[in-house]
Amino acid sequence: MKGAYLETEDAIQRETQASRNEAEREAMALGGGKEVRMIKDTVYLNDDRLNCMREMDIPSAMIFEPLGWDREPGVTKEKHYRKFFTDGLENTEAVMSKPSEFMCYNLKRGQSRGAKKSMFSFGAEKADASGEQDTT
């Protein structure tokens, strides 16, 4: 049962990634082959039929996430669209052009880095049920 679930999950992820790639290609074609910007502002035009401001040029929901909202369309600039990535930004070449310097250092603590016992190690010794001292 779990294997069928994992296969279904993988198929969904492949289909979603294919849809995202297609939306990226369409956005690049509309932008004249330029890289898709990370943040897009909203554009409003007056709709005479409804007598209100209507949002135009809404980007694809497969690439962009809407954030915020405009209290007065065309006046306030609180709503915008931000491009989202399915992987961490340090693993995305479009964001980080060179290999990331995040998580590059091997951290070692205590005895594994060669430190000697300190005067604060008095709580490390424990007595087990047999009365013997455990120094681990």
N, C-alpha and C. Protein backbone atom coordinates (compact mmCIF):
# COMPACT_ATOMS: atom_id res chain seq x y z
N MET A 1 0.82 -1.19 0.00
CA MET A 1 0.00 0.00 0.00
C MET A 1 0.87 1.26 0.00
N LYS A 2 1.95 1.22 0.79
CA LYS A 2 2.83 2.38 0.86
C LYS A 2 3.54 2.60 -0.47
N GLY A 3 3.90 1.50 -1.15
CA GLY A 3 4.57 1.61 -2.44
C GLY A 3 3.70 2.28 -3.48
N ALA A 4 2.41 1.95 -3.48
CA ALA A 4 1.48 2.58 -4.42
C ALA A 4 1.34 4.07 -4.12
N TYR A 5 1.32 4.41 -2.83
CA TYR A 5 1.23 5.81 -2.45
C TYR A 5 2.46 6.58 -2.92
N LEU A 6 3.65 5.99 -2.72
CA LEU A 6 4.89 6.66 -3.14
C LEU A 6 4.95 6.83 -4.64
N GLU A 7 4.49 5.82 -5.40
CA GLU A 7 4.47 5.94 -6.85
C GLU A 7 3.52 7.05 -7.29
N THR A 8 2.36 7.14 -6.65
CA THR A 8 1.40 8.20 -6.97
C THR A 8 1.99 9.56 -6.64
N GLU A 9 2.65 9.67 -5.49
CA GLU A 9 3.27 10.93 -5.07
C GLU A 9 4.36 11.35 -6.06
N ASP A 10 5.17 10.40 -6.51
CA ASP A 10 6.21 10.71 -7.50
C ASP A 10 5.60 11.17 -8.82
N ALA A 11 4.51 10.53 -9.24
CA ALA A 11 3.84 10.92 -10.49
C ALA A 11 3.29 12.33 -10.38
N ILE A 12 2.73 12.67 -9.23
CA ILE A 12 2.19 14.01 -9.03
C ILE A 12 3.31 15.04 -9.07
N GLN A 13 4.44 14.73 -8.43
CA GLN A 13 5.57 15.66 -8.43
C GLN A 13 6.12 15.86 -9.83
N ARG A 14 6.23 14.78 -10.62
CA ARG A 14 6.72 14.91 -12.00
C ARG A 14 5.78 15.77 -12.84
N GLU A 15 4.47 15.54 -12.69
CA GLU A 15 3.49 16.31 -13.46
C GLU A 15 3.52 17.78 -13.05
N THR A 16 3.64 18.04 -11.77
CA THR A 16 3.71 19.42 -11.29
C THR A 16 4.96 20.12 -11.81
N GLN A 17 6.10 19.42 -11.77
CA GLN A 17 7.35 20.01 -12.25
C GLN A 17 7.27 20.27 -13.76
N ALA A 18 6.64 19.36 -14.50
CA ALA A 18 6.49 19.58 -15.94
C ALA A 18 5.62 20.80 -16.21
N SER A 19 4.56 20.98 -15.42
CA SER A 19 3.69 22.14 -15.57
C SER A 19 4.43 23.43 -15.23
N ARG A 20 5.25 23.39 -14.17
CA ARG A 20 6.04 24.56 -13.79
C ARG A 20 7.04 24.92 -14.89
N ASN A 21 7.70 23.91 -15.46
CA ASN A 21 8.66 24.17 -16.53
C ASN A 21 7.97 24.78 -17.75
N GLU A 22 6.79 24.29 -18.09
CA GLU A 22 6.04 24.84 -19.22
C GLU A 22 5.63 26.28 -18.94
N ALA A 23 5.19 26.57 -17.72
CA ALA A 23 4.82 27.94 -17.36
C ALA A 23 6.04 28.87 -17.40
N GLU A 24 7.21 28.37 -16.98
CA GLU A 24 8.45 29.15 -17.06
C GLU A 24 8.79 29.48 -18.51
N ARG A 25 8.66 28.49 -19.40
CA ARG A 25 8.95 28.73 -20.82
C ARG A 25 7.99 29.76 -21.41
N GLU A 26 6.71 29.66 -21.06
CA GLU A 26 5.74 30.64 -21.56
C GLU A 26 6.05 32.04 -21.03
N ALA A 27 6.43 32.14 -19.75
CA ALA A 27 6.75 33.46 -19.17
C ALA A 27 8.00 34.04 -19.84
N MET A 28 8.98 33.19 -20.13
CA MET A 28 10.19 33.68 -20.81
C MET A 28 9.86 34.12 -22.24
N ALA A 29 8.95 33.40 -22.91
CA ALA A 29 8.56 33.78 -24.27
C ALA A 29 7.82 35.12 -24.26
N LEU A 30 6.95 35.33 -23.27
CA LEU A 30 6.24 36.61 -23.17
C LEU A 30 7.18 37.75 -22.82
N GLY A 31 8.25 37.44 -22.08
CA GLY A 31 9.21 38.47 -21.68
C GLY A 31 10.32 38.68 -22.69
N GLY A 32 10.23 38.08 -23.84
CA GLY A 32 11.24 38.27 -24.87
C GLY A 32 12.51 37.47 -24.61
N GLY A 33 12.39 36.34 -23.91
CA GLY A 33 13.55 35.49 -23.64
C GLY A 33 14.35 35.90 -22.43
N LYS A 34 13.90 36.91 -21.71
CA LYS A 34 14.60 37.35 -20.51
C LYS A 34 14.23 36.47 -19.33
N GLU A 35 15.10 36.45 -18.33
CA GLU A 35 14.85 35.70 -17.10
C GLU A 35 13.60 36.25 -16.42
N VAL A 36 12.79 35.37 -15.87
CA VAL A 36 11.57 35.78 -15.17
C VAL A 36 11.97 36.44 -13.86
N ARG A 37 11.44 37.64 -13.61
CA ARG A 37 11.76 38.38 -12.39
C ARG A 37 11.22 37.67 -11.16
N MET A 38 11.85 37.90 -10.02
CA MET A 38 11.44 37.27 -8.77
C MET A 38 10.17 37.90 -8.19
N ILE A 39 10.02 39.21 -8.35
CA ILE A 39 8.87 39.92 -7.80
C ILE A 39 8.19 40.70 -8.92
N LYS A 40 6.87 40.57 -9.01
CA LYS A 40 6.10 41.32 -10.00
C LYS A 40 5.06 42.16 -9.27
N ASP A 41 4.95 43.41 -9.68
CA ASP A 41 3.95 44.29 -9.11
C ASP A 41 2.63 44.08 -9.84
N THR A 42 1.57 44.51 -9.20
CA THR A 42 0.25 44.41 -9.82
C THR A 42 0.03 45.60 -10.76
N VAL A 43 -0.74 45.36 -11.80
CA VAL A 43 -1.08 46.40 -12.77
C VAL A 43 -2.61 46.47 -12.83
N TYR A 44 -3.14 47.67 -12.64
CA TYR A 44 -4.59 47.87 -12.66
C TYR A 44 -4.99 48.76 -13.83
N LEU A 45 -6.12 48.43 -14.44
CA LEU A 45 -6.72 49.26 -15.48
C LEU A 45 -8.18 49.51 -15.10
N ASN A 46 -8.68 50.66 -15.50
CA ASN A 46 -10.06 51.00 -15.19
C ASN A 46 -11.00 50.23 -16.11
N ASP A 47 -11.96 49.54 -15.52
CA ASP A 47 -12.97 48.81 -16.28
C ASP A 47 -14.22 49.68 -16.32
N ASP A 48 -14.53 50.24 -17.50
CA ASP A 48 -15.66 51.16 -17.63
C ASP A 48 -17.00 50.46 -17.44
N ARG A 49 -17.09 49.21 -17.84
CA ARG A 49 -18.34 48.48 -17.74
C ARG A 49 -18.74 48.26 -16.28
N LEU A 50 -17.78 47.89 -15.43
CA LEU A 50 -18.06 47.65 -14.02
C LEU A 50 -17.77 48.87 -13.15
N ASN A 51 -17.15 49.89 -13.75
CA ASN A 51 -16.79 51.11 -13.04
C ASN A 51 -15.90 50.81 -11.83
N CYS A 52 -14.84 50.06 -12.07
CA CYS A 52 -13.88 49.74 -11.01
C CYS A 52 -12.51 49.49 -11.63
N MET A 53 -11.50 49.39 -10.79
CA MET A 53 -10.15 49.06 -11.24
C MET A 53 -10.03 47.54 -11.27
N ARG A 54 -9.54 47.01 -12.39
CA ARG A 54 -9.40 45.57 -12.55
C ARG A 54 -7.92 45.23 -12.72
N GLU A 55 -7.49 44.17 -12.06
CA GLU A 55 -6.09 43.75 -12.15
C GLU A 55 -5.84 43.09 -13.50
N MET A 56 -4.75 43.48 -14.14
CA MET A 56 -4.39 42.95 -15.45
C MET A 56 -3.02 42.27 -15.36
N ASP A 57 -2.70 41.48 -16.36
CA ASP A 57 -1.41 40.78 -16.44
C ASP A 57 -1.11 39.98 -15.18
N ILE A 58 -2.04 39.14 -14.78
CA ILE A 58 -1.84 38.29 -13.61
C ILE A 58 -0.90 37.17 -14.02
N PRO A 59 0.23 36.99 -13.32
CA PRO A 59 1.17 35.94 -13.69
C PRO A 59 0.63 34.55 -13.37
N SER A 60 1.28 33.54 -13.94
CA SER A 60 0.86 32.16 -13.76
C SER A 60 0.93 31.74 -12.29
N ALA A 61 -0.11 31.06 -11.84
CA ALA A 61 -0.15 30.58 -10.45
C ALA A 61 0.82 29.42 -10.24
N MET A 62 1.32 28.83 -11.32
CA MET A 62 2.30 27.75 -11.19
C MET A 62 3.68 28.27 -10.80
N ILE A 63 3.93 29.55 -11.04
CA ILE A 63 5.25 30.13 -10.78
C ILE A 63 5.21 31.14 -9.63
N PHE A 64 4.14 31.93 -9.58
CA PHE A 64 4.08 33.04 -8.63
C PHE A 64 3.01 32.83 -7.57
N GLU A 65 3.29 33.33 -6.39
CA GLU A 65 2.37 33.31 -5.26
C GLU A 65 1.94 34.74 -4.97
N PRO A 66 0.62 35.02 -4.93
CA PRO A 66 0.20 36.39 -4.59
C PRO A 66 0.38 36.66 -3.10
N LEU A 67 0.90 37.83 -2.78
CA LEU A 67 1.12 38.22 -1.39
C LEU A 67 0.49 39.59 -1.16
N GLY A 68 -0.20 39.74 -0.06
CA GLY A 68 -0.79 41.01 0.31
C GLY A 68 -2.04 41.31 -0.48
N TRP A 69 -2.58 42.48 -0.26
CA TRP A 69 -3.73 42.95 -1.02
C TRP A 69 -3.75 44.47 -0.99
N ASP A 70 -4.30 45.04 -2.04
CA ASP A 70 -4.37 46.50 -2.16
C ASP A 70 -5.72 46.98 -1.64
N ARG A 71 -5.66 47.84 -0.64
CA ARG A 71 -6.90 48.40 -0.08
C ARG A 71 -7.59 49.29 -1.10
N GLU A 72 -6.81 50.02 -1.84
CA GLU A 72 -7.33 50.87 -2.91
C GLU A 72 -6.58 50.50 -4.19
N PRO A 73 -7.18 49.70 -5.06
CA PRO A 73 -6.49 49.27 -6.28
C PRO A 73 -5.98 50.44 -7.10
N GLY A 74 -4.73 50.36 -7.51
CA GLY A 74 -4.11 51.41 -8.30
C GLY A 74 -3.49 52.51 -7.48
N VAL A 75 -3.80 52.58 -6.18
CA VAL A 75 -3.25 53.62 -5.31
C VAL A 75 -2.21 53.01 -4.38
N THR A 76 -2.63 52.02 -3.61
CA THR A 76 -1.69 51.36 -2.70
C THR A 76 -0.89 50.31 -3.46
N LYS A 77 0.28 50.00 -2.98
CA LYS A 77 1.17 49.03 -3.65
C LYS A 77 1.53 47.89 -2.71
N GLU A 78 0.55 47.36 -1.97
CA GLU A 78 0.83 46.30 -1.02
C GLU A 78 0.80 44.91 -1.65
N LYS A 79 -0.04 44.72 -2.66
CA LYS A 79 -0.13 43.41 -3.29
C LYS A 79 0.97 43.27 -4.34
N HIS A 80 1.59 42.11 -4.33
CA HIS A 80 2.59 41.79 -5.35
C HIS A 80 2.64 40.27 -5.50
N TYR A 81 3.37 39.83 -6.48
CA TYR A 81 3.53 38.40 -6.74
C TYR A 81 4.99 38.05 -6.58
N ARG A 82 5.25 36.97 -5.86
CA ARG A 82 6.62 36.53 -5.62
C ARG A 82 6.81 35.14 -6.21
N LYS A 83 7.88 34.98 -6.94
CA LYS A 83 8.20 33.69 -7.53
C LYS A 83 8.59 32.73 -6.41
N PHE A 84 8.09 31.51 -6.47
CA PHE A 84 8.46 30.54 -5.45
C PHE A 84 9.21 29.38 -6.08
N PHE A 85 10.04 28.75 -5.27
CA PHE A 85 10.89 27.65 -5.72
C PHE A 85 10.56 26.42 -4.90
N THR A 86 10.60 25.27 -5.53
CA THR A 86 10.26 24.04 -4.83
C THR A 86 11.43 23.50 -4.03
N ASP A 87 12.64 23.93 -4.34
CA ASP A 87 13.83 23.47 -3.62
C ASP A 87 14.40 24.67 -2.85
N GLY A 88 15.36 24.40 -1.98
CA GLY A 88 15.99 25.48 -1.23
C GLY A 88 16.70 26.45 -2.15
N LEU A 89 16.75 27.71 -1.77
CA LEU A 89 17.36 28.72 -2.62
C LEU A 89 18.85 28.48 -2.83
N GLU A 90 19.51 27.86 -1.84
CA GLU A 90 20.94 27.59 -2.01
C GLU A 90 21.19 26.50 -3.04
N ASN A 91 20.16 25.72 -3.40
CA ASN A 91 20.29 24.66 -4.40
C ASN A 91 19.77 25.10 -5.77
N THR A 92 19.27 26.31 -5.90
CA THR A 92 18.70 26.80 -7.15
C THR A 92 19.72 27.67 -7.86
N GLU A 93 20.11 27.27 -9.06
CA GLU A 93 21.14 27.98 -9.80
C GLU A 93 20.68 29.37 -10.26
N ALA A 94 19.38 29.56 -10.46
CA ALA A 94 18.88 30.86 -10.87
C ALA A 94 19.06 31.91 -9.78
N VAL A 95 19.12 31.48 -8.54
CA VAL A 95 19.28 32.40 -7.42
C VAL A 95 20.74 32.49 -7.00
N MET A 96 21.38 31.37 -6.82
CA MET A 96 22.78 31.32 -6.39
C MET A 96 23.62 30.85 -7.57
N SER A 97 24.38 31.75 -8.18
CA SER A 97 25.13 31.41 -9.39
C SER A 97 26.32 30.52 -9.11
N LYS A 98 26.87 30.56 -7.89
CA LYS A 98 27.98 29.68 -7.54
C LYS A 98 27.53 28.75 -6.42
N PRO A 99 28.25 27.69 -6.18
CA PRO A 99 27.85 26.77 -5.10
C PRO A 99 27.74 27.52 -3.78
N SER A 100 26.73 27.15 -3.05
CA SER A 100 26.41 27.85 -1.82
C SER A 100 27.48 27.64 -0.75
N GLU A 101 27.66 28.67 0.06
CA GLU A 101 28.57 28.56 1.18
C GLU A 101 27.82 28.21 2.45
N PHE A 102 26.53 27.96 2.34
CA PHE A 102 25.76 27.51 3.48
C PHE A 102 26.16 26.08 3.82
N MET A 103 26.18 25.76 5.08
CA MET A 103 26.43 24.40 5.56
C MET A 103 27.74 23.82 5.02
N CYS A 104 28.78 24.60 4.97
CA CYS A 104 30.07 24.14 4.46
C CYS A 104 30.99 23.63 5.56
N TYR A 105 30.72 24.00 6.77
CA TYR A 105 31.65 23.69 7.84
C TYR A 105 31.21 22.47 8.61
N ASN A 106 32.16 21.59 8.88
CA ASN A 106 31.89 20.44 9.72
C ASN A 106 32.05 20.88 11.16
N LEU A 107 30.98 20.86 11.89
CA LEU A 107 31.02 21.29 13.28
C LEU A 107 31.30 20.09 14.17
N LYS A 108 32.20 20.28 15.10
CA LYS A 108 32.53 19.24 16.05
C LYS A 108 32.36 19.80 17.44
N ARG A 109 31.94 18.95 18.35
CA ARG A 109 31.73 19.39 19.71
C ARG A 109 32.54 18.53 20.67
N GLY A 110 32.96 19.16 21.71
CA GLY A 110 33.58 18.45 22.82
C GLY A 110 34.73 17.55 22.45
N GLN A 111 34.68 16.30 22.91
CA GLN A 111 35.78 15.35 22.74
C GLN A 111 36.05 15.02 21.28
N SER A 112 35.05 15.08 20.42
CA SER A 112 35.27 14.75 19.01
C SER A 112 36.18 15.74 18.32
N ARG A 113 36.32 16.96 18.87
CA ARG A 113 37.22 17.94 18.27
C ARG A 113 38.57 17.97 18.97
N GLY A 114 38.76 17.08 19.94
CA GLY A 114 40.04 16.99 20.63
C GLY A 114 40.11 17.78 21.91
N ALA A 115 38.99 18.24 22.41
CA ALA A 115 39.00 19.01 23.65
C ALA A 115 39.26 18.10 24.84
N LYS A 116 39.90 18.65 25.83
CA LYS A 116 40.15 17.90 27.05
C LYS A 116 38.96 18.09 27.99
N LYS A 117 38.87 17.22 28.99
CA LYS A 117 37.80 17.35 29.96
C LYS A 117 37.93 18.68 30.67
N SER A 118 36.79 19.30 30.89
CA SER A 118 36.82 20.59 31.57
C SER A 118 36.39 20.42 33.01
N MET A 119 36.47 21.50 33.75
CA MET A 119 36.07 21.42 35.14
C MET A 119 34.55 21.33 35.27
N PHE A 120 33.83 21.53 34.16
CA PHE A 120 32.38 21.44 34.19
C PHE A 120 31.87 20.05 33.84
N SER A 121 32.74 19.06 33.75
CA SER A 121 32.33 17.72 33.37
C SER A 121 31.91 16.89 34.57
N PHE A 122 31.71 17.49 35.74
CA PHE A 122 31.36 16.73 36.93
C PHE A 122 29.99 16.08 36.83
N GLY A 123 29.11 16.53 35.97
CA GLY A 123 27.78 15.93 35.84
C GLY A 123 27.76 14.78 34.86
N ALA A 124 28.87 14.50 34.20
CA ALA A 124 28.90 13.45 33.18
C ALA A 124 28.98 12.06 33.79
N GLU A 125 29.50 11.95 34.99
CA GLU A 125 29.63 10.63 35.61
C GLU A 125 28.31 10.26 36.27
N LYS A 126 27.85 9.04 36.00
CA LYS A 126 26.59 8.57 36.56
C LYS A 126 26.81 7.20 37.18
N ALA A 127 26.10 6.96 38.23
CA ALA A 127 26.17 5.64 38.86
C ALA A 127 25.00 4.82 38.35
N ASP A 128 25.28 3.58 37.87
CA ASP A 128 24.17 2.74 37.42
C ASP A 128 23.67 1.89 38.59
N ALA A 129 22.78 0.96 38.34
CA ALA A 129 22.13 0.18 39.40
C ALA A 129 23.11 -0.70 40.15
N SER A 130 24.21 -1.13 39.52
CA SER A 130 25.16 -2.02 40.19
C SER A 130 26.14 -1.25 41.07
N GLY A 131 26.08 0.06 41.02
CA GLY A 131 26.95 0.85 41.86
C GLY A 131 28.24 1.22 41.18
N GLU A 132 28.48 0.75 39.94
CA GLU A 132 29.71 1.08 39.24
C GLU A 132 29.56 2.45 38.60
N GLN A 133 30.65 3.15 38.45
CA GLN A 133 30.65 4.47 37.83
C GLN A 133 30.69 4.33 36.31
N ASP A 134 29.82 5.06 35.62
CA ASP A 134 29.81 5.11 34.16
C ASP A 134 30.41 6.43 33.73
N THR A 135 31.52 6.38 33.01
CA THR A 135 32.23 7.61 32.64
C THR A 135 32.01 7.99 31.18
N THR A 136 30.92 7.48 30.59
CA THR A 136 30.66 7.83 29.19
C THR A 136 29.83 9.08 29.10
